[in-house]
Structure formats: structure tokens, C-alpha cells
């Protein structure tokens, strides 16, 4: 999942070298934390949050096929 998140987000932002994805285990749920470069959060969030919701949906479906639960959060820096 981490590689997929990096792949998708690096192609949407202006500063792909600053994209970082960290994984944390929270009570059996894999929590992915996405850190972006300056000004790139808007591109990932999208209009009315549609882009981030689509990415979250794809990540959750992929995780479900592997039998795990996960979340995707944006780091607020």
C-alpha cells in the first residue's frame, strides 16, 4: 500500500521528491500518514475533497483484498 500511495501522489503534485508516506500500526489498523511539499496539499485534496477520497477508497479496497484495515491521513505541517 505504501508504494501505491507514493506512486499516485507523486504524479499529482509539483514537488514529488518531498512526498513521504509513513506507516503506523494503530490497534490492528495500518495508518498511513502522507507528508507533502509546500502548496501540494490542495492538489491532493482536490475540489471538495474528491481526489483524497478517491485515493482513500482505492487504498481501502486494496487493503481489504489483503485482509487488512487501513486509513490514510494528510500530515498538517
Protein backbone atom coordinates (compact mmCIF):
# COMPACT_ATOMS: atom_id res chain seq x y z
CA UNK A 1 0.00 0.00 0.00
CA UNK A 2 2.79 2.42 0.85
CA UNK A 3 4.32 2.12 -2.61
CA UNK A 4 0.91 2.63 -4.25
CA UNK A 5 0.23 5.79 -2.24
CA UNK A 6 3.65 7.19 -3.16
CA UNK A 7 3.17 6.30 -6.82
CA UNK A 8 -0.20 8.05 -7.10
CA UNK A 9 0.62 11.16 -5.10
CA UNK A 10 4.00 11.80 -6.74
CA UNK A 11 2.27 12.08 -10.09
CA UNK A 12 -0.25 14.64 -8.82
CA UNK A 13 2.00 17.14 -7.00
CA UNK A 14 4.50 19.81 -8.03
CA UNK A 15 7.22 18.61 -5.62
CA UNK A 16 7.30 14.79 -5.97
CA UNK A 17 10.66 14.49 -4.21
CA UNK A 18 9.09 15.80 -0.98
CA UNK A 19 6.33 13.16 -0.78
CA UNK A 20 6.73 10.87 2.23
CA UNK A 21 4.48 8.08 3.45
CA UNK A 22 4.89 6.75 6.99
CA UNK A 23 3.13 3.67 8.34
CA UNK A 24 1.92 3.30 11.91
CA UNK A 25 0.02 0.39 13.45
CA UNK A 26 -2.99 1.54 15.49
CA UNK A 27 -4.80 -1.33 17.18
CA UNK A 28 -4.69 -3.60 14.14
CA UNK A 29 -5.26 -0.82 11.61
CA UNK A 30 -2.43 0.34 9.38
CA UNK A 31 -2.45 4.14 9.43
CA UNK A 32 -0.62 5.79 6.53
CA UNK A 33 0.48 9.39 7.09
CA UNK A 34 1.11 11.39 3.91
CA UNK A 35 3.53 14.33 4.11
CA UNK A 36 3.70 16.70 1.14
CA UNK A 37 5.76 19.64 -0.04
CA UNK A 38 4.63 23.26 0.28
CA UNK A 39 1.49 24.04 -1.68
CA UNK A 40 0.82 20.45 -2.72
CA UNK A 41 -1.93 19.66 -0.21
CA UNK A 42 -4.55 21.37 -2.36
CA UNK A 43 -3.69 19.19 -5.34
CA UNK A 44 -4.11 16.03 -3.28
CA UNK A 45 -7.28 17.17 -1.55
CA UNK A 46 -8.88 18.28 -4.80
CA UNK A 47 -12.10 20.16 -5.30
CA UNK A 48 -14.43 19.37 -2.38
CA UNK A 49 -12.06 16.59 -1.28
CA UNK A 50 -12.81 14.33 -4.20
CA UNK A 51 -9.19 13.43 -5.02
CA UNK A 52 -8.20 12.40 -1.49
CA UNK A 53 -11.45 10.47 -1.11
CA UNK A 54 -10.75 8.56 -4.33
CA UNK A 55 -7.22 7.71 -3.16
CA UNK A 56 -8.54 6.60 0.23
CA UNK A 57 -11.15 4.40 -1.44
CA UNK A 58 -8.54 2.69 -3.63
CA UNK A 59 -6.24 2.14 -0.64
CA UNK A 60 -9.06 0.67 1.44
CA UNK A 61 -10.17 -1.69 -1.34
CA UNK A 62 -6.58 -2.84 -1.90
CA UNK A 63 -6.09 -3.41 1.82
CA UNK A 64 -9.38 -5.27 2.10
CA UNK A 65 -8.25 -7.69 -0.62
CA UNK A 66 -5.18 -8.41 1.52
CA UNK A 67 -7.33 -8.87 4.61
CA UNK A 68 -6.14 -5.80 6.48
CA UNK A 69 -7.70 -2.50 7.52
CA UNK A 70 -6.08 0.85 6.83
CA UNK A 71 -6.55 4.62 6.86
CA UNK A 72 -4.87 7.46 5.01
CA UNK A 73 -4.27 10.81 6.69
CA UNK A 74 -2.64 14.01 5.48
CA UNK A 75 0.03 15.47 7.73
CA UNK A 76 -0.65 19.06 8.65
CA UNK A 77 2.63 20.91 8.50
